[in-house]
Structures are given as C-alpha cells and as structure tokens.
Amino acid sequence: MLRSSLEKEILKALLVSRDWVSGEELAKRLSLSRVAIWKEMEKLKSWGFPVISSRKGYKLFELPDVFFREYLEAYFSRFSFPVSVFCEDQVDSTNEWAKREALQGAPSWSLFIAESQTRGKGRKGRSWFSLPGKSLTFSLLIRPNLSLWSGFTSLPLVCGLAVSLALEEEGLEPEIKWPNDVLIDGKKVAGILVEGDFEAEVLRYVVIGIGLNVNLLREDFPEDLRLTATSLLEVSGKRHHRLFLLENLLNKLSKCLEGWKGEANLASLYPELKKRLATLGKRVKIAVSDKVLEGLAEDIDLDGSLWINSEGERKKISWGELVTS
C-alpha cells in the first residue's frame, strides 16, 4: 500500500510518537517542505489512516485494525527485538508459507500473517476456520538452535501460556487444554500448531502457528463449531483491536520463549502454566496411535508430557489427542 520509503518514514514517526508530531520538525528531519509533509499526511488519510492536525502538528486519532506489511513494519519498529514482517491478504496456510520462507533463509522472529487462508492448518491435518477482519491468524518463525527433542515437545504449552497471559490482559479468564488449545468457559478460542525441522537431531527452525477467534459472532461459526468454539467478542461483549492483540501476543511469546530456551523445558514456566491447565484433575480419554488411554490427569512433565493415573498405574503421554477432558 505504501509506495515509498518517505511514506513509511512518516507513518513510522506517527506510530512511534503516539502523540503529536510537529510538522516543522518532521520537515527538517526528512528535508522536505511543510507543504510536502501535509501532502503525505493527506495520502495517509486517503488510505484510511485517521490523521488529525492542529497547531501542535499531526497525530493518529486511532490505529486502524488492518494488516499490511509496511504498516506492521512501522508499528513493530518500536519493539526491542527485530520482527521481520511477511503479510498477504490470502495464503494457503501461514505455517506452510513460513516453512517455505524458512528454507529460503528467513530470519528468526519472522512474522507471517494473513487475513484468510485457503488451507488453514490445525492438528492432525484438520482445517482451521477463520474470517477476514474478525480472526487473527499468524505464524512465527524462530530459530532456537536446540538439539533436544524434549525442548520441542514442550513448545505448544509454552505458546499456550503466552496466549493465555495476553488474553488475561484483555480482562478474560482463559484456560489451557493439553496439549495445544486455549479455552474460555470451556470452549475453544485459540488453537496452536507447532512444527519443527530437524537435521542431524538439531532443530533448525520452529514454526508456531496461532489462530485466535477475535470478533466473530455466534452465527459466523460453521454449525459444527458453534457448540465447541467461542470468540473474544462472544465472551466479553465487546470488540477487540487485533493489532493490539498481536502486539501483546508477540511480547508474551518473547518472554515465554526466553524462559523456555534457558532450560529447553518448562521449568521456569511451570508454576504459571500449571495453574492455568484445565486438563489437570479431570478424567480424560487420550487417543494415542491406534488405542485410547483413560485415566485421571494428574500432572504435567517439564517436557510437556501429561501424566495420567490409569487404574492405579501412572503413565506418561508425550503425544496424543485429548478426546474428552
């Protein structure tokens, strides 16, 4: 959308300031006339950015809840860590897109975001439902340089904790369903799909896919999801700004991943994670390969595995599909 580096610089100045930006100072910084600055501001207005002006200068009245690369690049330039932005209106799957770019050398902390996916991915090959303008679907590429498989298996819960912490700041009370879902009032509000690429037992990269139901109404969901899924709008009664959510999610992911990388397990995150796990203390059925195990979910291991008590015998389950909880 933004066609020149000048337009990007002006938008970046408005985003970084979050307050009035003097037209005179901006003109000096960019070696332009104040009339030229005014013209650039008019362009931003024509593209939907609510720029207001006064004697103090220029200011964004509010941030539009839209996604395009230059806008996100300018917005995330305020971060203390670099984020490389990849943004499209529609892709097959943000996870597949991220994996393709990973093979082309995309750096750690590359963000892949799209308004819609033609083949959005859930666990075990399932599809992920989302709607443009109402959902938040993105994938994050990281390169943790780990050689421990156990470090990888704990990652879905690390991400589940990050999502939960971000939603709590929205005034909500999420819970984590082992191994990779986030619930509110017992219904799924977010799904997480973590995929990794190993070479000679070294984890070359990880792709973290997150789908969050933000401003969907009950009637927006397909009929087969209306009893099991929910959205932030449905549970809170108010609309949520997706860009602010994305910013908070990335910050929470950064902090949780930093704690995880220290030990390549859940040690530093265990207390916060355990008190948010909806699965613990409940009778569960878990599909593992060609059989179903039943028992009481008792604890979570530091590698992300679930400990269940099945007829008096404790069993550790690293991978599986939670049939009931």
C-alpha atoms as a PDB file:
ATOM      1  CA  MET A   1       0.000   0.000   0.000  1.00  0.00           C
ATOM      2  CA  LEU A   2       2.735   2.464   0.925  1.00  0.00           C
ATOM      3  CA  ARG A   3       4.749   3.097  -2.209  1.00  0.00           C
ATOM      4  CA  SER A   4       7.811   4.941  -0.982  1.00  0.00           C
ATOM      5  CA  SER A   5      10.264   4.953   1.883  1.00  0.00           C
ATOM      6  CA  LEU A   6       9.137   8.521   2.631  1.00  0.00           C
ATOM      7  CA  GLU A   7       5.567   7.395   3.301  1.00  0.00           C
ATOM      8  CA  LYS A   8       6.868   4.639   5.543  1.00  0.00           C
ATOM      9  CA  GLU A   9       9.052   7.078   7.487  1.00  0.00           C
ATOM     10  CA  ILE A  10       6.138   9.439   8.105  1.00  0.00           C
ATOM     11  CA  LEU A  11       3.846   6.635   9.241  1.00  0.00           C
ATOM     12  CA  LYS A  12       6.613   5.296  11.470  1.00  0.00           C
ATOM     13  CA  ALA A  13       7.022   8.725  13.083  1.00  0.00           C
ATOM     14  CA  LEU A  14       3.301   8.865  13.863  1.00  0.00           C
ATOM     15  CA  LEU A  15       3.268   5.338  15.268  1.00  0.00           C
ATOM     16  CA  VAL A  16       6.374   5.747  17.396  1.00  0.00           C
ATOM     17  CA  SER A  17       5.182   9.031  18.866  1.00  0.00           C
ATOM     18  CA  ARG A  18       1.600   8.011  19.714  1.00  0.00           C
ATOM     19  CA  ASP A  19       1.183  11.761  20.275  1.00  0.00           C
ATOM     20  CA  TRP A  20       1.512  14.994  18.306  1.00  0.00           C
ATOM     21  CA  VAL A  21       4.318  15.132  15.761  1.00  0.00           C
ATOM     22  CA  SER A  22       5.434  18.617  14.762  1.00  0.00           C
ATOM     23  CA  GLY A  23       5.164  19.238  11.027  1.00  0.00           C
ATOM     24  CA  GLU A  24       8.147  21.595  11.218  1.00  0.00           C
ATOM     25  CA  GLU A  25      10.344  19.028  12.979  1.00  0.00           C
ATOM     26  CA  LEU A  26       9.244  16.313  10.563  1.00  0.00           C
ATOM     27  CA  ALA A  27      10.035  18.551   7.593  1.00  0.00           C
ATOM     28  CA  LYS A  28      13.542  19.233   8.924  1.00  0.00           C
ATOM     29  CA  ARG A  29      14.192  15.565   9.674  1.00  0.00           C
ATOM     30  CA  LEU A  30      13.150  14.466   6.172  1.00  0.00           C
ATOM     31  CA  SER A  31      14.497  17.531   4.314  1.00  0.00           C
ATOM     32  CA  LEU A  32      11.074  18.444   2.961  1.00  0.00           C
ATOM     33  CA  SER A  33       8.836  21.478   2.970  1.00  0.00           C
ATOM     34  CA  ARG A  34       5.903  21.615   5.368  1.00  0.00           C
ATOM     35  CA  VAL A  35       3.612  21.603   2.327  1.00  0.00           C
ATOM     36  CA  ALA A  36       5.170  18.316   1.200  1.00  0.00           C
ATOM     37  CA  ILE A  37       4.589  16.861   4.676  1.00  0.00           C
ATOM     38  CA  TRP A  38       0.947  17.987   4.510  1.00  0.00           C
ATOM     39  CA  LYS A  39       0.523  16.227   1.147  1.00  0.00           C
ATOM     40  CA  GLU A  40       1.952  12.995   2.574  1.00  0.00           C
ATOM     41  CA  MET A  41      -0.461  13.214   5.505  1.00  0.00           C
ATOM     42  CA  GLU A  42      -3.350  13.618   3.051  1.00  0.00           C
ATOM     43  CA  LYS A  43      -2.211  10.418   1.319  1.00  0.00           C
ATOM     44  CA  LEU A  44      -2.292   8.553   4.624  1.00  0.00           C
ATOM     45  CA  LYS A  45      -5.830   9.851   5.213  1.00  0.00           C
ATOM     46  CA  SER A  46      -6.924   8.597   1.789  1.00  0.00           C
ATOM     47  CA  TRP A  47      -5.688   5.124   2.722  1.00  0.00           C
ATOM     48  CA  GLY A  48      -7.764   5.024   5.886  1.00  0.00           C
ATOM     49  CA  PHE A  49      -5.338   6.341   8.493  1.00  0.00           C
ATOM     50  CA  PRO A  50      -7.238   8.814  10.726  1.00  0.00           C
ATOM     51  CA  VAL A  51      -4.633  11.576  10.790  1.00  0.00           C
ATOM     52  CA  ILE A  52      -5.731  14.742  12.584  1.00  0.00           C
ATOM     53  CA  SER A  53      -3.924  18.063  12.603  1.00  0.00           C
ATOM     54  CA  SER A  54      -3.688  21.102  14.853  1.00  0.00           C
ATOM     55  CA  ARG A  55      -1.208  23.793  15.779  1.00  0.00           C
ATOM     56  CA  LYS A  56       0.724  21.070  17.618  1.00  0.00           C
ATOM     57  CA  GLY A  57       1.263  19.101  14.410  1.00  0.00           C
ATOM     58  CA  TYR A  58      -0.110  15.749  13.300  1.00  0.00           C
ATOM     59  CA  LYS A  59      -1.416  12.750  15.212  1.00  0.00           C
ATOM     60  CA  LEU A  60      -3.151   9.440  14.571  1.00  0.00           C
ATOM     61  CA  PHE A  61      -6.603   9.700  16.161  1.00  0.00           C
ATOM     62  CA  GLU A  62      -6.694   5.900  16.405  1.00  0.00           C
ATOM     63  CA  LEU A  63      -4.926   2.940  14.850  1.00  0.00           C
ATOM     64  CA  PRO A  64      -6.862   1.162  12.089  1.00  0.00           C
ATOM     65  CA  ASP A  65      -7.382  -2.544  12.673  1.00  0.00           C
ATOM     66  CA  VAL A  66      -5.883  -3.617   9.349  1.00  0.00           C
ATOM     67  CA  PHE A  67      -2.829  -5.579   8.310  1.00  0.00           C
ATOM     68  CA  PHE A  68      -0.362  -4.782   5.585  1.00  0.00           C
ATOM     69  CA  ARG A  69       3.395  -5.154   5.611  1.00  0.00           C
ATOM     70  CA  GLU A  70       4.576  -1.542   5.708  1.00  0.00           C
ATOM     71  CA  TYR A  71       2.100  -0.661   8.441  1.00  0.00           C
ATOM     72  CA  LEU A  72       3.154  -3.603  10.596  1.00  0.00           C
ATOM     73  CA  GLU A  73       6.842  -2.936   9.956  1.00  0.00           C
ATOM     74  CA  ALA A  74       6.424   0.638  11.135  1.00  0.00           C
ATOM     75  CA  TYR A  75       4.350  -0.417  14.131  1.00  0.00           C
ATOM     76  CA  PHE A  76       6.738  -3.128  15.301  1.00  0.00           C
ATOM     77  CA  SER A  77       9.810  -0.934  14.818  1.00  0.00           C
ATOM     78  CA  ARG A  78       9.112   0.143  18.419  1.00  0.00           C
ATOM     79  CA  PHE A  79       9.936  -3.357  19.673  1.00  0.00           C
ATOM     80  CA  SER A  80      13.206  -4.030  21.481  1.00  0.00           C
ATOM     81  CA  PHE A  81      13.680  -7.088  19.263  1.00  0.00           C
ATOM     82  CA  PRO A  82      13.536  -7.095  15.435  1.00  0.00           C
ATOM     83  CA  VAL A  83      10.447  -8.534  13.733  1.00  0.00           C
ATOM     84  CA  SER A  84      10.546  -9.313  10.010  1.00  0.00           C
ATOM     85  CA  VAL A  85       7.038  -8.970   8.579  1.00  0.00           C
ATOM     86  CA  PHE A  86       5.503 -11.070   5.803  1.00  0.00           C
ATOM     87  CA  CYS A  87       1.898 -10.090   5.124  1.00  0.00           C
ATOM     88  CA  GLU A  88      -0.667 -11.096   2.481  1.00  0.00           C
ATOM     89  CA  ASP A  89      -4.434 -10.856   2.163  1.00  0.00           C
ATOM     90  CA  GLN A  90      -4.734 -14.573   1.436  1.00  0.00           C
ATOM     91  CA  VAL A  91      -2.377 -17.565   1.552  1.00  0.00           C
ATOM     92  CA  ASP A  92      -2.780 -21.325   1.610  1.00  0.00           C
ATOM     93  CA  SER A  93      -1.539 -21.623   5.199  1.00  0.00           C
ATOM     94  CA  THR A  94       0.620 -19.268   7.239  1.00  0.00           C
ATOM     95  CA  ASN A  95       2.520 -22.269   8.622  1.00  0.00           C
ATOM     96  CA  GLU A  96       3.267 -23.607   5.136  1.00  0.00           C
ATOM     97  CA  TRP A  97       4.244 -20.128   3.995  1.00  0.00           C
ATOM     98  CA  ALA A  98       6.599 -19.755   6.948  1.00  0.00           C
ATOM     99  CA  LYS A  99       8.226 -23.120   6.236  1.00  0.00           C
ATOM    100  CA  ARG A 100       8.817 -22.187   2.601  1.00  0.00           C
ATOM    101  CA  GLU A 101      10.448 -18.908   3.602  1.00  0.00           C
ATOM    102  CA  ALA A 102      12.477 -20.652   6.325  1.00  0.00           C
ATOM    103  CA  LEU A 103      14.130 -22.760   3.630  1.00  0.00           C
ATOM    104  CA  GLN A 104      14.957 -19.536   1.774  1.00  0.00           C
ATOM    105  CA  GLY A 105      16.746 -18.138   4.829  1.00  0.00           C
ATOM    106  CA  ALA A 106      14.067 -16.053   6.542  1.00  0.00           C
ATOM    107  CA  PRO A 107      15.480 -14.918   9.918  1.00  0.00           C
ATOM    108  CA  SER A 108      14.329 -15.806  13.391  1.00  0.00           C
ATOM    109  CA  TRP A 109      11.327 -13.775  14.504  1.00  0.00           C
ATOM    110  CA  SER A 110       9.782 -13.631  11.061  1.00  0.00           C
ATOM    111  CA  LEU A 111       6.043 -12.978  11.325  1.00  0.00           C
ATOM    112  CA  PHE A 112       3.708 -14.414   8.680  1.00  0.00           C
ATOM    113  CA  ILE A 113       0.197 -13.035   8.831  1.00  0.00           C
ATOM    114  CA  ALA A 114      -2.803 -13.257   6.506  1.00  0.00           C
ATOM    115  CA  GLU A 115      -6.432 -12.201   6.638  1.00  0.00           C
ATOM    116  CA  SER A 116      -7.569 -15.518   5.185  1.00  0.00           C
ATOM    117  CA  GLN A 117      -6.190 -18.983   4.495  1.00  0.00           C
ATOM    118  CA  THR A 118      -7.428 -21.370   1.824  1.00  0.00           C
ATOM    119  CA  ARG A 119      -5.957 -24.351   3.683  1.00  0.00           C
ATOM    120  CA  GLY A 120      -5.521 -23.194   7.275  1.00  0.00           C
ATOM    121  CA  LYS A 121      -3.971 -25.960   9.365  1.00  0.00           C
ATOM    122  CA  GLY A 122      -4.932 -27.444  12.694  1.00  0.00           C
ATOM    123  CA  ARG A 123      -3.533 -30.525  14.413  1.00  0.00           C
ATOM    124  CA  LYS A 124      -3.585 -33.894  12.632  1.00  0.00           C
ATOM    125  CA  GLY A 125      -4.346 -32.321   9.267  1.00  0.00           C
ATOM    126  CA  ARG A 126      -7.561 -30.633  10.355  1.00  0.00           C
ATOM    127  CA  SER A 127      -8.545 -27.288   8.877  1.00  0.00           C
ATOM    128  CA  TRP A 128      -8.663 -24.052  10.883  1.00  0.00           C
ATOM    129  CA  PHE A 129     -11.660 -21.784  10.419  1.00  0.00           C
ATOM    130  CA  SER A 130     -11.110 -18.007  10.277  1.00  0.00           C
ATOM    131  CA  LEU A 131     -12.796 -14.922   8.835  1.00  0.00           C
ATOM    132  CA  PRO A 132     -11.063 -11.831   7.363  1.00  0.00           C
ATOM    133  CA  GLY A 133     -11.255  -8.842   9.672  1.00  0.00           C
ATOM    134  CA  LYS A 134     -12.578 -10.920  12.570  1.00  0.00           C
ATOM    135  CA  SER A 135      -9.858 -13.501  13.202  1.00  0.00           C
ATOM    136  CA  LEU A 136      -6.168 -13.304  13.992  1.00  0.00           C
ATOM    137  CA  THR A 137      -4.168 -15.958  12.156  1.00  0.00           C
ATOM    138  CA  PHE A 138      -0.405 -15.834  12.044  1.00  0.00           C
ATOM    139  CA  SER A 139       2.737 -17.924  12.220  1.00  0.00           C
ATOM    140  CA  LEU A 140       6.034 -17.070  13.845  1.00  0.00           C
ATOM    141  CA  LEU A 141       9.352 -18.488  12.647  1.00  0.00           C
ATOM    142  CA  ILE A 142      12.047 -18.881  15.275  1.00  0.00           C
ATOM    143  CA  ARG A 143      15.483 -20.482  15.135  1.00  0.00           C
ATOM    144  CA  PRO A 144      16.224 -21.618  18.700  1.00  0.00           C
ATOM    145  CA  ASN A 145      19.330 -23.699  17.835  1.00  0.00           C
ATOM    146  CA  LEU A 146      18.339 -26.625  20.056  1.00  0.00           C
ATOM    147  CA  SER A 147      19.288 -30.257  19.768  1.00  0.00           C
ATOM    148  CA  LEU A 148      16.856 -31.533  22.385  1.00  0.00           C
ATOM    149  CA  TRP A 149      13.643 -33.177  21.192  1.00  0.00           C
ATOM    150  CA  SER A 150      12.149 -32.644  24.643  1.00  0.00           C
ATOM    151  CA  GLY A 151      12.567 -28.925  24.189  1.00  0.00           C
ATOM    152  CA  PHE A 152      10.414 -29.065  21.089  1.00  0.00           C
ATOM    153  CA  THR A 153       7.651 -31.176  22.652  1.00  0.00           C
ATOM    154  CA  SER A 154       7.081 -28.616  25.394  1.00  0.00           C
ATOM    155  CA  LEU A 155       6.651 -25.713  22.974  1.00  0.00           C
ATOM    156  CA  PRO A 156       2.852 -25.931  22.422  1.00  0.00           C
ATOM    157  CA  LEU A 157       2.292 -25.394  26.151  1.00  0.00           C
ATOM    158  CA  VAL A 158       4.798 -22.528  26.226  1.00  0.00           C
ATOM    159  CA  CYS A 159       2.790 -20.851  23.472  1.00  0.00           C
ATOM    160  CA  GLY A 160      -0.490 -21.677  25.198  1.00  0.00           C
ATOM    161  CA  LEU A 161       0.752 -19.867  28.277  1.00  0.00           C
ATOM    162  CA  ALA A 162       1.752 -16.834  26.184  1.00  0.00           C
ATOM    163  CA  VAL A 163      -1.698 -16.682  24.590  1.00  0.00           C
ATOM    164  CA  SER A 164      -3.372 -17.027  27.997  1.00  0.00           C
ATOM    165  CA  LEU A 165      -1.292 -14.235  29.510  1.00  0.00           C
ATOM    166  CA  ALA A 166      -2.176 -11.939  26.606  1.00  0.00           C
ATOM    167  CA  LEU A 167      -5.897 -12.693  26.932  1.00  0.00           C
ATOM    168  CA  GLU A 168      -5.820 -12.099  30.674  1.00  0.00           C
ATOM    169  CA  GLU A 169      -4.727  -8.538  29.929  1.00  0.00           C
ATOM    170  CA  GLU A 170      -7.959  -8.234  27.938  1.00  0.00           C
ATOM    171  CA  GLY A 171      -9.848  -8.948  31.164  1.00  0.00           C
ATOM    172  CA  LEU A 172     -10.595 -12.577  30.258  1.00  0.00           C
ATOM    173  CA  GLU A 173     -10.064 -15.858  32.112  1.00  0.00           C
ATOM    174  CA  PRO A 174      -8.583 -18.372  29.650  1.00  0.00           C
ATOM    175  CA  GLU A 175      -7.509 -21.919  30.414  1.00  0.00           C
ATOM    176  CA  ILE A 176      -5.068 -24.195  28.608  1.00  0.00           C
ATOM    177  CA  LYS A 177      -6.238 -27.549  27.319  1.00  0.00           C
ATOM    178  CA  TRP A 178      -3.382 -30.000  26.866  1.00  0.00           C
ATOM    179  CA  PRO A 179      -1.581 -30.042  24.542  1.00  0.00           C
ATOM    180  CA  ASN A 180      -2.336 -27.040  22.338  1.00  0.00           C
ATOM    181  CA  ASP A 181      -5.693 -25.296  22.793  1.00  0.00           C
ATOM    182  CA  VAL A 182      -6.815 -22.264  24.773  1.00  0.00           C
ATOM    183  CA  LEU A 183     -10.345 -22.248  26.162  1.00  0.00           C
ATOM    184  CA  ILE A 184     -12.709 -19.710  27.670  1.00  0.00           C
ATOM    185  CA  ASP A 185     -15.776 -21.028  29.510  1.00  0.00           C
ATOM    186  CA  GLY A 186     -14.860 -24.491  28.273  1.00  0.00           C
ATOM    187  CA  LYS A 187     -14.959 -23.513  24.592  1.00  0.00           C
ATOM    188  CA  LYS A 188     -12.046 -23.187  22.198  1.00  0.00           C
ATOM    189  CA  VAL A 189     -10.958 -19.634  21.491  1.00  0.00           C
ATOM    190  CA  ALA A 190      -7.435 -20.298  20.169  1.00  0.00           C
ATOM    191  CA  GLY A 191      -5.527 -23.149  18.579  1.00  0.00           C
ATOM    192  CA  ILE A 192      -1.779 -23.633  18.350  1.00  0.00           C
ATOM    193  CA  LEU A 193       0.157 -25.689  15.820  1.00  0.00           C
ATOM    194  CA  VAL A 194       3.923 -26.036  16.332  1.00  0.00           C
ATOM    195  CA  GLU A 195       6.038 -27.597  13.585  1.00  0.00           C
ATOM    196  CA  GLY A 196       9.788 -28.066  13.514  1.00  0.00           C
ATOM    197  CA  ASP A 197      12.524 -29.037  11.099  1.00  0.00           C
ATOM    198  CA  PHE A 198      15.312 -31.282  12.345  1.00  0.00           C
ATOM    199  CA  GLU A 199      18.623 -32.040  10.691  1.00  0.00           C
ATOM    200  CA  ALA A 200      21.008 -34.497  12.377  1.00  0.00           C
ATOM    201  CA  GLU A 201      18.954 -34.087  15.595  1.00  0.00           C
ATOM    202  CA  VAL A 202      19.456 -30.307  15.539  1.00  0.00           C
ATOM    203  CA  LEU A 203      16.302 -28.229  15.484  1.00  0.00           C
ATOM    204  CA  ARG A 204      16.924 -25.884  12.556  1.00  0.00           C
ATOM    205  CA  TYR A 205      13.738 -23.879  12.916  1.00  0.00           C
ATOM    206  CA  VAL A 206      10.321 -23.881  14.549  1.00  0.00           C
ATOM    207  CA  VAL A 207       7.098 -22.513  13.111  1.00  0.00           C
ATOM    208  CA  ILE A 208       4.475 -21.512  15.675  1.00  0.00           C
ATOM    209  CA  GLY A 209       1.016 -21.149  14.169  1.00  0.00           C
ATOM    210  CA  ILE A 210      -1.665 -19.399  16.225  1.00  0.00           C
ATOM    211  CA  GLY A 211      -5.302 -18.933  15.312  1.00  0.00           C
ATOM    212  CA  LEU A 212      -7.424 -16.719  17.567  1.00  0.00           C
ATOM    213  CA  ASN A 213     -11.168 -16.115  17.290  1.00  0.00           C
ATOM    214  CA  VAL A 214     -11.394 -12.391  17.961  1.00  0.00           C
ATOM    215  CA  ASN A 215     -14.536 -10.606  16.758  1.00  0.00           C
ATOM    216  CA  LEU A 216     -16.615 -13.464  15.423  1.00  0.00           C
ATOM    217  CA  LEU A 217     -20.322 -13.662  16.246  1.00  0.00           C
ATOM    218  CA  ARG A 218     -22.018 -16.955  17.029  1.00  0.00           C
ATOM    219  CA  GLU A 219     -23.580 -17.037  13.568  1.00  0.00           C
ATOM    220  CA  ASP A 220     -20.164 -16.549  11.952  1.00  0.00           C
ATOM    221  CA  PHE A 221     -19.053 -20.031  13.008  1.00  0.00           C
ATOM    222  CA  PRO A 222     -19.940 -23.089  10.946  1.00  0.00           C
ATOM    223  CA  GLU A 223     -22.762 -25.057  12.592  1.00  0.00           C
ATOM    224  CA  ASP A 224     -20.460 -27.890  13.651  1.00  0.00           C
ATOM    225  CA  LEU A 225     -18.316 -25.438  15.689  1.00  0.00           C
ATOM    226  CA  ARG A 226     -20.994 -23.361  17.410  1.00  0.00           C
ATOM    227  CA  LEU A 227     -21.189 -25.590  20.483  1.00  0.00           C
ATOM    228  CA  THR A 228     -17.435 -26.026  20.948  1.00  0.00           C
ATOM    229  CA  ALA A 229     -15.874 -22.720  19.822  1.00  0.00           C
ATOM    230  CA  THR A 230     -16.182 -19.141  21.002  1.00  0.00           C
ATOM    231  CA  SER A 231     -14.626 -15.741  20.396  1.00  0.00           C
ATOM    232  CA  LEU A 232     -13.343 -12.842  22.468  1.00  0.00           C
ATOM    233  CA  LEU A 233     -16.338 -10.801  21.322  1.00  0.00           C
ATOM    234  CA  GLU A 234     -18.769 -13.505  22.404  1.00  0.00           C
ATOM    235  CA  VAL A 235     -17.363 -13.851  25.927  1.00  0.00           C
ATOM    236  CA  SER A 236     -16.608 -10.182  26.602  1.00  0.00           C
ATOM    237  CA  GLY A 237     -19.437  -8.475  24.739  1.00  0.00           C
ATOM    238  CA  LYS A 238     -17.042  -6.011  23.121  1.00  0.00           C
ATOM    239  CA  ARG A 239     -14.868  -5.793  20.040  1.00  0.00           C
ATOM    240  CA  HIS A 240     -11.122  -6.252  20.410  1.00  0.00           C
ATOM    241  CA  HIS A 241      -8.403  -4.497  18.398  1.00  0.00           C
ATOM    242  CA  ARG A 242      -6.495  -7.225  16.551  1.00  0.00           C
ATOM    243  CA  LEU A 243      -3.310  -5.192  16.120  1.00  0.00           C
ATOM    244  CA  PHE A 244      -3.085  -4.540  19.869  1.00  0.00           C
ATOM    245  CA  LEU A 245      -3.720  -8.239  20.482  1.00  0.00           C
ATOM    246  CA  LEU A 246      -0.988  -9.190  18.033  1.00  0.00           C
ATOM    247  CA  GLU A 247       1.453  -6.817  19.719  1.00  0.00           C
ATOM    248  CA  ASN A 248       0.673  -8.246  23.151  1.00  0.00           C
ATOM    249  CA  LEU A 249       0.890 -11.827  21.884  1.00  0.00           C
ATOM    250  CA  LEU A 250       4.325 -11.242  20.378  1.00  0.00           C
ATOM    251  CA  ASN A 251       5.566  -9.645  23.586  1.00  0.00           C
ATOM    252  CA  LYS A 252       4.232 -12.520  25.689  1.00  0.00           C
ATOM    253  CA  LEU A 253       5.695 -15.068  23.270  1.00  0.00           C
ATOM    254  CA  SER A 254       9.069 -13.341  23.501  1.00  0.00           C
ATOM    255  CA  LYS A 255       9.071 -13.531  27.295  1.00  0.00           C
ATOM    256  CA  CYS A 256       7.804 -17.117  27.497  1.00  0.00           C
ATOM    257  CA  LEU A 257      10.194 -18.348  24.818  1.00  0.00           C
ATOM    258  CA  GLU A 258      13.089 -16.687  26.619  1.00  0.00           C
ATOM    259  CA  GLY A 259      12.212 -18.601  29.774  1.00  0.00           C
ATOM    260  CA  TRP A 260      11.799 -21.821  27.827  1.00  0.00           C
ATOM    261  CA  LYS A 261      15.129 -21.521  25.999  1.00  0.00           C
ATOM    262  CA  GLY A 262      17.047 -21.293  29.247  1.00  0.00           C
ATOM    263  CA  GLU A 263      16.414 -24.940  30.126  1.00  0.00           C
ATOM    264  CA  ALA A 264      14.738 -26.154  26.920  1.00  0.00           C
ATOM    265  CA  ASN A 265      11.830 -27.240  29.107  1.00  0.00           C
ATOM    266  CA  LEU A 266       9.009 -25.863  31.222  1.00  0.00           C
ATOM    267  CA  ALA A 267      10.981 -25.445  34.464  1.00  0.00           C
ATOM    268  CA  SER A 268      10.796 -21.648  34.705  1.00  0.00           C
ATOM    269  CA  LEU A 269       7.212 -21.518  33.415  1.00  0.00           C
ATOM    270  CA  TYR A 270       5.826 -24.495  35.337  1.00  0.00           C
ATOM    271  CA  PRO A 271       4.033 -22.665  38.196  1.00  0.00           C
ATOM    272  CA  GLU A 272       2.211 -20.232  35.900  1.00  0.00           C
ATOM    273  CA  LEU A 273       1.417 -22.946  33.393  1.00  0.00           C
ATOM    274  CA  LYS A 274       0.094 -25.488  35.871  1.00  0.00           C
ATOM    275  CA  LYS A 275      -2.459 -23.180  37.467  1.00  0.00           C
ATOM    276  CA  ARG A 276      -3.956 -22.457  34.037  1.00  0.00           C
ATOM    277  CA  LEU A 277      -4.213 -26.058  32.825  1.00  0.00           C
ATOM    278  CA  ALA A 278      -7.870 -27.006  32.505  1.00  0.00           C
ATOM    279  CA  THR A 279      -6.933 -30.658  31.940  1.00  0.00           C
ATOM    280  CA  LEU A 280      -5.458 -31.427  35.363  1.00  0.00           C
ATOM    281  CA  GLY A 281      -7.652 -33.128  37.938  1.00  0.00           C
ATOM    282  CA  LYS A 282     -10.089 -34.416  35.309  1.00  0.00           C
ATOM    283  CA  ARG A 283     -10.838 -37.813  33.840  1.00  0.00           C
ATOM    284  CA  VAL A 284      -9.533 -37.905  30.292  1.00  0.00           C
ATOM    285  CA  LYS A 285      -9.504 -40.101  27.226  1.00  0.00           C
ATOM    286  CA  ILE A 286      -6.448 -39.713  25.026  1.00  0.00           C
ATOM    287  CA  ALA A 287      -6.102 -41.240  21.577  1.00  0.00           C
ATOM    288  CA  VAL A 288      -2.510 -42.431  21.180  1.00  0.00           C
ATOM    289  CA  SER A 289      -1.742 -44.100  17.850  1.00  0.00           C
ATOM    290  CA  ASP A 290      -4.324 -46.883  17.487  1.00  0.00           C
ATOM    291  CA  LYS A 291      -5.508 -47.031  21.107  1.00  0.00           C
ATOM    292  CA  VAL A 292      -7.306 -44.890  23.657  1.00  0.00           C
ATOM    293  CA  LEU A 293      -5.945 -44.437  27.168  1.00  0.00           C
ATOM    294  CA  GLU A 294      -8.218 -43.405  30.036  1.00  0.00           C
ATOM    295  CA  GLY A 295      -7.329 -42.036  33.424  1.00  0.00           C
ATOM    296  CA  LEU A 296      -7.096 -39.094  35.771  1.00  0.00           C
ATOM    297  CA  ALA A 297      -4.856 -36.263  34.528  1.00  0.00           C
ATOM    298  CA  GLU A 298      -2.525 -35.696  37.486  1.00  0.00           C
ATOM    299  CA  ASP A 299       0.400 -33.561  36.401  1.00  0.00           C
ATOM    300  CA  ILE A 300       2.412 -32.086  33.579  1.00  0.00           C
ATOM    301  CA  ASP A 301       6.035 -33.051  32.966  1.00  0.00           C
ATOM    302  CA  LEU A 302       8.749 -30.493  32.268  1.00  0.00           C
ATOM    303  CA  ASP A 303       8.953 -31.786  28.691  1.00  0.00           C
ATOM    304  CA  GLY A 304       5.251 -31.062  28.164  1.00  0.00           C
ATOM    305  CA  SER A 305       4.048 -34.630  28.574  1.00  0.00           C
ATOM    306  CA  LEU A 306       0.872 -35.389  30.504  1.00  0.00           C
ATOM    307  CA  TRP A 307       0.929 -37.756  33.486  1.00  0.00           C
ATOM    308  CA  ILE A 308      -2.280 -39.745  33.967  1.00  0.00           C
ATOM    309  CA  ASN A 309      -3.290 -42.316  36.550  1.00  0.00           C
ATOM    310  CA  SER A 310      -4.865 -45.233  34.737  1.00  0.00           C
ATOM    311  CA  GLU A 311      -6.240 -47.897  37.100  1.00  0.00           C
ATOM    312  CA  GLY A 312      -3.571 -47.168  39.675  1.00  0.00           C
ATOM    313  CA  GLU A 313      -0.713 -47.048  37.165  1.00  0.00           C
ATOM    314  CA  ARG A 314       0.948 -43.714  36.314  1.00  0.00           C
ATOM    315  CA  LYS A 315       1.553 -43.253  32.611  1.00  0.00           C
ATOM    316  CA  LYS A 316       3.441 -40.515  30.801  1.00  0.00           C
ATOM    317  CA  ILE A 317       1.924 -39.413  27.486  1.00  0.00           C
ATOM    318  CA  SER A 318       4.079 -37.264  25.244  1.00  0.00           C
ATOM    319  CA  TRP A 319       1.808 -37.041  22.213  1.00  0.00           C
ATOM    320  CA  GLY A 320      -1.863 -37.716  21.793  1.00  0.00           C
ATOM    321  CA  GLU A 321      -5.309 -36.391  21.062  1.00  0.00           C
ATOM    322  CA  LEU A 322      -7.426 -35.421  24.040  1.00  0.00           C
ATOM    323  CA  VAL A 323     -10.822 -36.909  23.265  1.00  0.00           C
ATOM    324  CA  THR A 324     -12.557 -35.633  26.412  1.00  0.00           C
ATOM    325  CA  SER A 325     -11.460 -33.535  29.365  1.00  0.00           C
END
